[in-house]
Amino acid sequence: MVNLLDLNKKEILGLWPEAINRRLSPEEIVHIFREMDGFWEYDYTVAFNKPGYHALLKSGNHSDGFLNSKVVICYYNLCRILAQELYFTWLAQSLPFPTKVAGIPNGANDLGNHLSFLMGVEPAKLVKKDGKIKINGNGNLEENDKLLLVEDIFTTGTGFKETVKELNEHFPEINIMPFLITIINRGRQTEIKTEKENFEIIAPVTKNLKNCAEEKCQLCQNGSVPIQPKKNWELLINSQK
């Protein structure tokens, strides 16, 4: 199979999942995000004249980098390819299979659906309403289900913790598997702790990007303005051009 590092955006959009019969390298996955304009990094080389904007994360922290999966996995073939990569990563770990898979809404819904298909199990149904993660009806969940949760990009796990809390409150009889599988772990954590449990983070890519509290943000001190990345993506990626 061709090295994805050699492909441009148009060629990546022409990829088909069935043509990929091996695991992708971390560099190839990051390359997909770069070519699809899904990876922004602050340009320190022009910061003096163009301080621009930087990323305000969901956790309230500020960052000089952001991975936007929305502009990547909105394409069916790329969502399927990345779900396939999660599947290969799971197999490589020799971990037990779940009985249900759920993508954390809204970013990972389609990703979770594709992964559930590849694993030969049914997807569970989670939604986000009024900014809160909710279970859609009974969520297609049954007593003693082993549920695997899927995230698109892991940063600090805010949405993941909300999801676990909602599931524990409304479906205490199901078993949430002690793992979180994600395309890219952009934090420095290897596990995430909730009120009751610890979850191992499994990802084909680890990409350390800086993040810090607002009061310690050097970018703010240098005149850059924090904005929410997904709501202002074009503004963010073009602010220093």
C-alpha atoms as a PDB file:
ATOM      1  CA  MET A   1       0.000   0.000   0.000  1.00  0.00           C
ATOM      2  CA  VAL A   2       1.164   3.530  -0.733  1.00  0.00           C
ATOM      3  CA  ASN A   3       2.780   5.581   2.021  1.00  0.00           C
ATOM      4  CA  LEU A   4       0.142   8.099   3.101  1.00  0.00           C
ATOM      5  CA  LEU A   5       2.873  10.652   3.799  1.00  0.00           C
ATOM      6  CA  ASP A   6       3.200  10.998   0.014  1.00  0.00           C
ATOM      7  CA  LEU A   7      -0.465  11.900  -0.512  1.00  0.00           C
ATOM      8  CA  ASN A   8      -2.043  15.340  -0.753  1.00  0.00           C
ATOM      9  CA  LYS A   9      -5.554  16.282   0.337  1.00  0.00           C
ATOM     10  CA  LYS A  10      -7.208  15.276  -2.933  1.00  0.00           C
ATOM     11  CA  GLU A  11      -5.459  11.894  -2.925  1.00  0.00           C
ATOM     12  CA  ILE A  12      -6.367  11.272   0.723  1.00  0.00           C
ATOM     13  CA  LEU A  13     -10.013  11.976  -0.095  1.00  0.00           C
ATOM     14  CA  GLY A  14      -9.747   9.303  -2.791  1.00  0.00           C
ATOM     15  CA  LEU A  15      -8.575   6.610  -0.372  1.00  0.00           C
ATOM     16  CA  TRP A  16     -10.904   3.701   0.249  1.00  0.00           C
ATOM     17  CA  PRO A  17     -10.825   1.704   3.503  1.00  0.00           C
ATOM     18  CA  GLU A  18     -10.700  -1.690   1.788  1.00  0.00           C
ATOM     19  CA  ALA A  19      -7.414  -0.701   0.126  1.00  0.00           C
ATOM     20  CA  ILE A  20      -5.720  -0.333   3.515  1.00  0.00           C
ATOM     21  CA  ASN A  21      -4.585  -3.715   4.805  1.00  0.00           C
ATOM     22  CA  ARG A  22      -2.084  -2.648   7.441  1.00  0.00           C
ATOM     23  CA  ARG A  23      -1.838  -0.414  10.466  1.00  0.00           C
ATOM     24  CA  LEU A  24      -1.039   3.192   9.703  1.00  0.00           C
ATOM     25  CA  SER A  25       1.945   4.816  11.336  1.00  0.00           C
ATOM     26  CA  PRO A  26       1.326   7.649  13.827  1.00  0.00           C
ATOM     27  CA  GLU A  27       2.969   9.999  11.322  1.00  0.00           C
ATOM     28  CA  GLU A  28       0.507   8.958   8.599  1.00  0.00           C
ATOM     29  CA  ILE A  29      -2.477   9.618  10.849  1.00  0.00           C
ATOM     30  CA  VAL A  30      -1.187  13.068  11.802  1.00  0.00           C
ATOM     31  CA  HIS A  31      -0.506  13.706   8.097  1.00  0.00           C
ATOM     32  CA  ILE A  32      -4.168  13.014   7.314  1.00  0.00           C
ATOM     33  CA  PHE A  33      -5.179  15.669   9.856  1.00  0.00           C
ATOM     34  CA  ARG A  34      -2.662  18.184   8.505  1.00  0.00           C
ATOM     35  CA  GLU A  35      -3.693  17.733   4.878  1.00  0.00           C
ATOM     36  CA  MET A  36      -7.381  17.992   5.773  1.00  0.00           C
ATOM     37  CA  ASP A  37      -6.773  21.242   7.694  1.00  0.00           C
ATOM     38  CA  GLY A  38      -7.651  19.449  10.907  1.00  0.00           C
ATOM     39  CA  PHE A  39      -4.437  20.232  12.771  1.00  0.00           C
ATOM     40  CA  TRP A  40      -3.603  23.784  13.872  1.00  0.00           C
ATOM     41  CA  GLU A  41      -0.410  24.861  15.655  1.00  0.00           C
ATOM     42  CA  TYR A  42       0.464  28.340  16.851  1.00  0.00           C
ATOM     43  CA  ASP A  43       3.136  29.974  14.693  1.00  0.00           C
ATOM     44  CA  TYR A  44       5.684  31.428  17.086  1.00  0.00           C
ATOM     45  CA  THR A  45       7.841  32.685  14.198  1.00  0.00           C
ATOM     46  CA  VAL A  46       5.331  35.443  13.325  1.00  0.00           C
ATOM     47  CA  ALA A  47       3.922  35.970  16.813  1.00  0.00           C
ATOM     48  CA  PHE A  48       5.549  39.392  17.322  1.00  0.00           C
ATOM     49  CA  ASN A  49       3.712  40.936  14.348  1.00  0.00           C
ATOM     50  CA  LYS A  50       0.731  38.584  14.267  1.00  0.00           C
ATOM     51  CA  PRO A  51      -0.181  37.351  17.754  1.00  0.00           C
ATOM     52  CA  GLY A  52      -3.477  36.070  16.350  1.00  0.00           C
ATOM     53  CA  TYR A  53      -5.645  33.668  18.272  1.00  0.00           C
ATOM     54  CA  HIS A  54      -5.030  30.505  20.262  1.00  0.00           C
ATOM     55  CA  ALA A  55      -7.200  27.649  21.476  1.00  0.00           C
ATOM     56  CA  LEU A  56      -9.530  27.818  24.468  1.00  0.00           C
ATOM     57  CA  LEU A  57     -10.144  24.205  25.454  1.00  0.00           C
ATOM     58  CA  LYS A  58     -13.334  22.737  26.912  1.00  0.00           C
ATOM     59  CA  SER A  59     -11.517  22.318  30.231  1.00  0.00           C
ATOM     60  CA  GLY A  60     -10.856  26.069  30.381  1.00  0.00           C
ATOM     61  CA  ASN A  61      -7.147  25.636  29.667  1.00  0.00           C
ATOM     62  CA  HIS A  62      -5.399  27.412  26.806  1.00  0.00           C
ATOM     63  CA  SER A  63      -3.324  25.666  24.128  1.00  0.00           C
ATOM     64  CA  ASP A  64      -0.963  26.379  21.239  1.00  0.00           C
ATOM     65  CA  GLY A  65      -2.275  23.438  19.240  1.00  0.00           C
ATOM     66  CA  PHE A  66      -5.586  21.815  18.377  1.00  0.00           C
ATOM     67  CA  LEU A  67      -6.762  18.752  16.483  1.00  0.00           C
ATOM     68  CA  ASN A  68     -10.196  19.164  14.916  1.00  0.00           C
ATOM     69  CA  SER A  69     -11.543  15.742  14.014  1.00  0.00           C
ATOM     70  CA  LYS A  70     -14.821  17.216  12.743  1.00  0.00           C
ATOM     71  CA  VAL A  71     -13.265  18.368   9.453  1.00  0.00           C
ATOM     72  CA  VAL A  72     -11.703  14.918   8.973  1.00  0.00           C
ATOM     73  CA  ILE A  73     -14.261  12.330  10.027  1.00  0.00           C
ATOM     74  CA  CYS A  74     -17.098  14.158   8.292  1.00  0.00           C
ATOM     75  CA  TYR A  75     -15.873  12.212   5.248  1.00  0.00           C
ATOM     76  CA  TYR A  76     -17.206   8.660   5.258  1.00  0.00           C
ATOM     77  CA  ASN A  77     -14.026   7.046   3.954  1.00  0.00           C
ATOM     78  CA  LEU A  78     -11.741   8.822   6.425  1.00  0.00           C
ATOM     79  CA  CYS A  79     -14.025   8.067   9.366  1.00  0.00           C
ATOM     80  CA  ARG A  80     -14.030   4.414   8.347  1.00  0.00           C
ATOM     81  CA  ILE A  81     -10.240   4.367   7.862  1.00  0.00           C
ATOM     82  CA  LEU A  82      -9.654   5.857  11.319  1.00  0.00           C
ATOM     83  CA  ALA A  83     -12.186   3.484  12.895  1.00  0.00           C
ATOM     84  CA  GLN A  84     -10.315   0.661  11.195  1.00  0.00           C
ATOM     85  CA  GLU A  85      -7.114   1.941  12.785  1.00  0.00           C
ATOM     86  CA  LEU A  86      -8.803   1.828  16.201  1.00  0.00           C
ATOM     87  CA  TYR A  87      -9.890  -1.732  15.469  1.00  0.00           C
ATOM     88  CA  PHE A  88      -6.337  -2.785  14.530  1.00  0.00           C
ATOM     89  CA  THR A  89      -5.030  -1.066  17.670  1.00  0.00           C
ATOM     90  CA  TRP A  90      -7.534  -2.958  19.816  1.00  0.00           C
ATOM     91  CA  LEU A  91      -6.572  -6.278  18.221  1.00  0.00           C
ATOM     92  CA  ALA A  92      -2.876  -5.570  18.776  1.00  0.00           C
ATOM     93  CA  GLN A  93      -3.546  -5.197  22.509  1.00  0.00           C
ATOM     94  CA  SER A  94      -5.293  -8.616  22.635  1.00  0.00           C
ATOM     95  CA  LEU A  95      -8.112  -7.109  24.675  1.00  0.00           C
ATOM     96  CA  PRO A  96     -11.551  -8.703  25.184  1.00  0.00           C
ATOM     97  CA  PHE A  97     -14.295  -7.542  22.853  1.00  0.00           C
ATOM     98  CA  PRO A  98     -17.225  -5.467  24.112  1.00  0.00           C
ATOM     99  CA  THR A  99     -20.875  -6.287  23.536  1.00  0.00           C
ATOM    100  CA  LYS A 100     -21.672  -2.639  22.692  1.00  0.00           C
ATOM    101  CA  VAL A 101     -19.658   0.361  21.493  1.00  0.00           C
ATOM    102  CA  ALA A 102     -20.570   4.011  22.004  1.00  0.00           C
ATOM    103  CA  GLY A 103     -18.937   7.116  20.585  1.00  0.00           C
ATOM    104  CA  ILE A 104     -18.902  10.054  22.976  1.00  0.00           C
ATOM    105  CA  PRO A 105     -21.195  12.701  21.447  1.00  0.00           C
ATOM    106  CA  ASN A 106     -21.116  14.564  19.330  1.00  0.00           C
ATOM    107  CA  GLY A 107     -17.650  14.241  17.881  1.00  0.00           C
ATOM    108  CA  ALA A 108     -17.265  10.472  18.069  1.00  0.00           C
ATOM    109  CA  ASN A 109     -20.789   9.227  17.254  1.00  0.00           C
ATOM    110  CA  ASP A 110     -19.981   8.140  13.694  1.00  0.00           C
ATOM    111  CA  LEU A 111     -16.575   6.845  14.728  1.00  0.00           C
ATOM    112  CA  GLY A 112     -18.209   4.654  17.378  1.00  0.00           C
ATOM    113  CA  ASN A 113     -20.748   3.361  14.879  1.00  0.00           C
ATOM    114  CA  HIS A 114     -18.016   2.348  12.432  1.00  0.00           C
ATOM    115  CA  LEU A 115     -15.961   0.677  15.167  1.00  0.00           C
ATOM    116  CA  SER A 116     -18.974  -1.269  16.424  1.00  0.00           C
ATOM    117  CA  PHE A 117     -19.541  -2.579  12.879  1.00  0.00           C
ATOM    118  CA  LEU A 118     -15.906  -3.663  12.572  1.00  0.00           C
ATOM    119  CA  MET A 119     -16.109  -5.403  15.941  1.00  0.00           C
ATOM    120  CA  GLY A 120     -19.327  -7.154  14.957  1.00  0.00           C
ATOM    121  CA  VAL A 121     -21.397  -5.667  17.798  1.00  0.00           C
ATOM    122  CA  GLU A 122     -24.219  -3.138  18.047  1.00  0.00           C
ATOM    123  CA  PRO A 123     -23.670   0.557  18.766  1.00  0.00           C
ATOM    124  CA  ALA A 124     -25.065   2.126  21.918  1.00  0.00           C
ATOM    125  CA  LYS A 125     -26.855   5.430  21.427  1.00  0.00           C
ATOM    126  CA  LEU A 126     -25.648   8.501  23.268  1.00  0.00           C
ATOM    127  CA  VAL A 127     -26.615  12.083  22.393  1.00  0.00           C
ATOM    128  CA  LYS A 128     -25.825  15.606  23.541  1.00  0.00           C
ATOM    129  CA  LYS A 129     -28.795  17.805  24.461  1.00  0.00           C
ATOM    130  CA  ASP A 130     -28.438  21.372  25.710  1.00  0.00           C
ATOM    131  CA  GLY A 131     -24.731  20.785  26.210  1.00  0.00           C
ATOM    132  CA  LYS A 132     -25.300  17.686  28.361  1.00  0.00           C
ATOM    133  CA  ILE A 133     -24.540  14.100  27.388  1.00  0.00           C
ATOM    134  CA  LYS A 134     -27.673  11.958  27.556  1.00  0.00           C
ATOM    135  CA  ILE A 135     -28.734   8.417  26.750  1.00  0.00           C
ATOM    136  CA  ASN A 136     -31.123   8.162  23.791  1.00  0.00           C
ATOM    137  CA  GLY A 137     -34.081   6.187  25.196  1.00  0.00           C
ATOM    138  CA  ASN A 138     -32.549   3.068  26.677  1.00  0.00           C
ATOM    139  CA  GLY A 139     -29.474   3.679  24.539  1.00  0.00           C
ATOM    140  CA  ASN A 140     -29.766   0.155  23.130  1.00  0.00           C
ATOM    141  CA  LEU A 141     -28.165  -0.938  26.409  1.00  0.00           C
ATOM    142  CA  GLU A 142     -29.047  -4.143  28.208  1.00  0.00           C
ATOM    143  CA  GLU A 143     -28.226  -5.567  31.609  1.00  0.00           C
ATOM    144  CA  ASN A 144     -24.635  -6.848  31.888  1.00  0.00           C
ATOM    145  CA  ASP A 145     -23.560  -5.302  28.589  1.00  0.00           C
ATOM    146  CA  LYS A 146     -19.828  -4.686  28.293  1.00  0.00           C
ATOM    147  CA  LEU A 147     -19.635  -1.169  26.885  1.00  0.00           C
ATOM    148  CA  LEU A 148     -16.577   0.303  25.188  1.00  0.00           C
ATOM    149  CA  LEU A 149     -16.415   4.096  24.961  1.00  0.00           C
ATOM    150  CA  VAL A 150     -14.781   5.808  21.984  1.00  0.00           C
ATOM    151  CA  GLU A 151     -13.470   9.369  21.759  1.00  0.00           C
ATOM    152  CA  ASP A 152     -12.208  11.184  18.660  1.00  0.00           C
ATOM    153  CA  ILE A 153      -9.411  13.197  20.325  1.00  0.00           C
ATOM    154  CA  PHE A 154      -8.452  12.891  23.989  1.00  0.00           C
ATOM    155  CA  THR A 155      -7.357  16.075  25.742  1.00  0.00           C
ATOM    156  CA  THR A 156      -8.405  16.085  29.394  1.00  0.00           C
ATOM    157  CA  GLY A 157     -11.417  13.768  29.321  1.00  0.00           C
ATOM    158  CA  THR A 158     -14.160  16.237  30.267  1.00  0.00           C
ATOM    159  CA  GLY A 159     -16.748  14.680  27.940  1.00  0.00           C
ATOM    160  CA  PHE A 160     -15.654  11.183  28.871  1.00  0.00           C
ATOM    161  CA  LYS A 161     -16.207  11.833  32.583  1.00  0.00           C
ATOM    162  CA  GLU A 162     -19.653  13.290  31.870  1.00  0.00           C
ATOM    163  CA  THR A 163     -20.524  10.180  29.869  1.00  0.00           C
ATOM    164  CA  VAL A 164     -19.379   7.766  32.580  1.00  0.00           C
ATOM    165  CA  LYS A 165     -21.317   9.696  35.216  1.00  0.00           C
ATOM    166  CA  GLU A 166     -24.502   9.625  33.114  1.00  0.00           C
ATOM    167  CA  LEU A 167     -24.143   5.907  32.463  1.00  0.00           C
ATOM    168  CA  ASN A 168     -23.450   5.062  36.111  1.00  0.00           C
ATOM    169  CA  GLU A 169     -26.508   7.046  37.256  1.00  0.00           C
ATOM    170  CA  HIS A 170     -28.989   5.595  34.767  1.00  0.00           C
ATOM    171  CA  PHE A 171     -27.533   2.187  33.887  1.00  0.00           C
ATOM    172  CA  PRO A 172     -25.635   0.911  36.947  1.00  0.00           C
ATOM    173  CA  GLU A 173     -26.206  -2.673  35.775  1.00  0.00           C
ATOM    174  CA  ILE A 174     -23.982  -2.352  32.696  1.00  0.00           C
ATOM    175  CA  ASN A 175     -20.218  -2.830  32.745  1.00  0.00           C
ATOM    176  CA  ILE A 176     -18.238   0.066  31.313  1.00  0.00           C
ATOM    177  CA  MET A 177     -14.980  -1.465  30.132  1.00  0.00           C
ATOM    178  CA  PRO A 178     -11.926   0.089  31.851  1.00  0.00           C
ATOM    179  CA  PHE A 179     -10.609   1.599  28.624  1.00  0.00           C
ATOM    180  CA  LEU A 180     -11.039   4.690  26.504  1.00  0.00           C
ATOM    181  CA  ILE A 181     -10.043   4.229  22.872  1.00  0.00           C
ATOM    182  CA  THR A 182      -9.257   7.365  20.875  1.00  0.00           C
ATOM    183  CA  ILE A 183      -7.582   8.321  17.591  1.00  0.00           C
ATOM    184  CA  ILE A 184      -5.079  10.734  19.130  1.00  0.00           C
ATOM    185  CA  ASN A 185      -4.135  11.202  22.769  1.00  0.00           C
ATOM    186  CA  ARG A 186      -2.999  14.817  22.838  1.00  0.00           C
ATOM    187  CA  GLY A 187      -2.507  14.887  26.576  1.00  0.00           C
ATOM    188  CA  ARG A 188       0.168  13.469  28.810  1.00  0.00           C
ATOM    189  CA  GLN A 189      -2.114  11.002  30.557  1.00  0.00           C
ATOM    190  CA  THR A 190      -2.031   7.241  30.140  1.00  0.00           C
ATOM    191  CA  GLU A 191      -5.186   6.814  32.199  1.00  0.00           C
ATOM    192  CA  ILE A 192      -8.185   8.844  33.228  1.00  0.00           C
ATOM    193  CA  LYS A 193      -9.726   8.744  36.687  1.00  0.00           C
ATOM    194  CA  THR A 194     -13.417   9.177  37.379  1.00  0.00           C
ATOM    195  CA  GLU A 195     -15.191   9.202  40.725  1.00  0.00           C
ATOM    196  CA  LYS A 196     -15.248   5.409  40.948  1.00  0.00           C
ATOM    197  CA  GLU A 197     -12.901   3.956  38.323  1.00  0.00           C
ATOM    198  CA  ASN A 198      -9.666   4.270  36.391  1.00  0.00           C
ATOM    199  CA  PHE A 199      -9.655   3.893  32.601  1.00  0.00           C
ATOM    200  CA  GLU A 200      -6.636   3.116  30.448  1.00  0.00           C
ATOM    201  CA  ILE A 201      -6.266   5.357  27.395  1.00  0.00           C
ATOM    202  CA  ILE A 202      -5.594   3.411  24.195  1.00  0.00           C
ATOM    203  CA  ALA A 203      -4.575   5.348  21.101  1.00  0.00           C
ATOM    204  CA  PRO A 204      -2.603   4.704  17.916  1.00  0.00           C
ATOM    205  CA  VAL A 205      -1.144   8.219  18.209  1.00  0.00           C
ATOM    206  CA  THR A 206       0.188  10.222  21.149  1.00  0.00           C
ATOM    207  CA  LYS A 207       0.786  13.868  20.275  1.00  0.00           C
ATOM    208  CA  ASN A 208       1.847  16.101  23.133  1.00  0.00           C
ATOM    209  CA  LEU A 209       0.514  19.633  22.724  1.00  0.00           C
ATOM    210  CA  LYS A 210       0.991  22.353  25.318  1.00  0.00           C
ATOM    211  CA  ASN A 211      -1.898  23.452  27.461  1.00  0.00           C
ATOM    212  CA  CYS A 212      -1.965  25.601  30.560  1.00  0.00           C
ATOM    213  CA  ALA A 213      -4.269  27.499  32.883  1.00  0.00           C
ATOM    214  CA  GLU A 214      -5.381  30.970  31.765  1.00  0.00           C
ATOM    215  CA  GLU A 215      -3.360  32.764  34.427  1.00  0.00           C
ATOM    216  CA  LYS A 216      -0.181  31.049  33.208  1.00  0.00           C
ATOM    217  CA  CYS A 217      -0.801  31.498  29.478  1.00  0.00           C
ATOM    218  CA  GLN A 218       2.200  33.119  27.807  1.00  0.00           C
ATOM    219  CA  LEU A 219       0.237  33.528  24.574  1.00  0.00           C
ATOM    220  CA  CYS A 220      -2.321  35.739  26.345  1.00  0.00           C
ATOM    221  CA  GLN A 221       0.491  37.770  27.859  1.00  0.00           C
ATOM    222  CA  ASN A 222       1.921  38.291  24.360  1.00  0.00           C
ATOM    223  CA  GLY A 223      -1.367  39.612  22.978  1.00  0.00           C
ATOM    224  CA  SER A 224      -2.914  36.501  21.462  1.00  0.00           C
ATOM    225  CA  VAL A 225      -6.645  36.061  22.103  1.00  0.00           C
ATOM    226  CA  PRO A 226      -8.161  32.715  23.221  1.00  0.00           C
ATOM    227  CA  ILE A 227     -11.154  31.439  21.235  1.00  0.00           C
ATOM    228  CA  GLN A 228     -13.126  28.201  21.087  1.00  0.00           C
ATOM    229  CA  PRO A 229     -11.535  26.240  18.230  1.00  0.00           C
ATOM    230  CA  LYS A 230     -14.443  24.297  16.776  1.00  0.00           C
ATOM    231  CA  LYS A 231     -16.765  27.304  16.743  1.00  0.00           C
ATOM    232  CA  ASN A 232     -14.116  29.547  15.192  1.00  0.00           C
ATOM    233  CA  TRP A 233     -12.014  27.118  13.183  1.00  0.00           C
ATOM    234  CA  GLU A 234     -11.433  29.173  10.035  1.00  0.00           C
ATOM    235  CA  LEU A 235     -10.687  32.255  12.121  1.00  0.00           C
ATOM    236  CA  LEU A 236      -8.193  30.331  14.238  1.00  0.00           C
ATOM    237  CA  ILE A 237      -6.270  28.619  11.445  1.00  0.00           C
ATOM    238  CA  ASN A 238      -6.021  31.801   9.378  1.00  0.00           C
ATOM    239  CA  SER A 239      -5.288  34.296  12.165  1.00  0.00           C
ATOM    240  CA  GLN A 240      -1.506  34.389  11.605  1.00  0.00           C
ATOM    241  CA  LYS A 241      -1.459  34.144   7.813  1.00  0.00           C
END
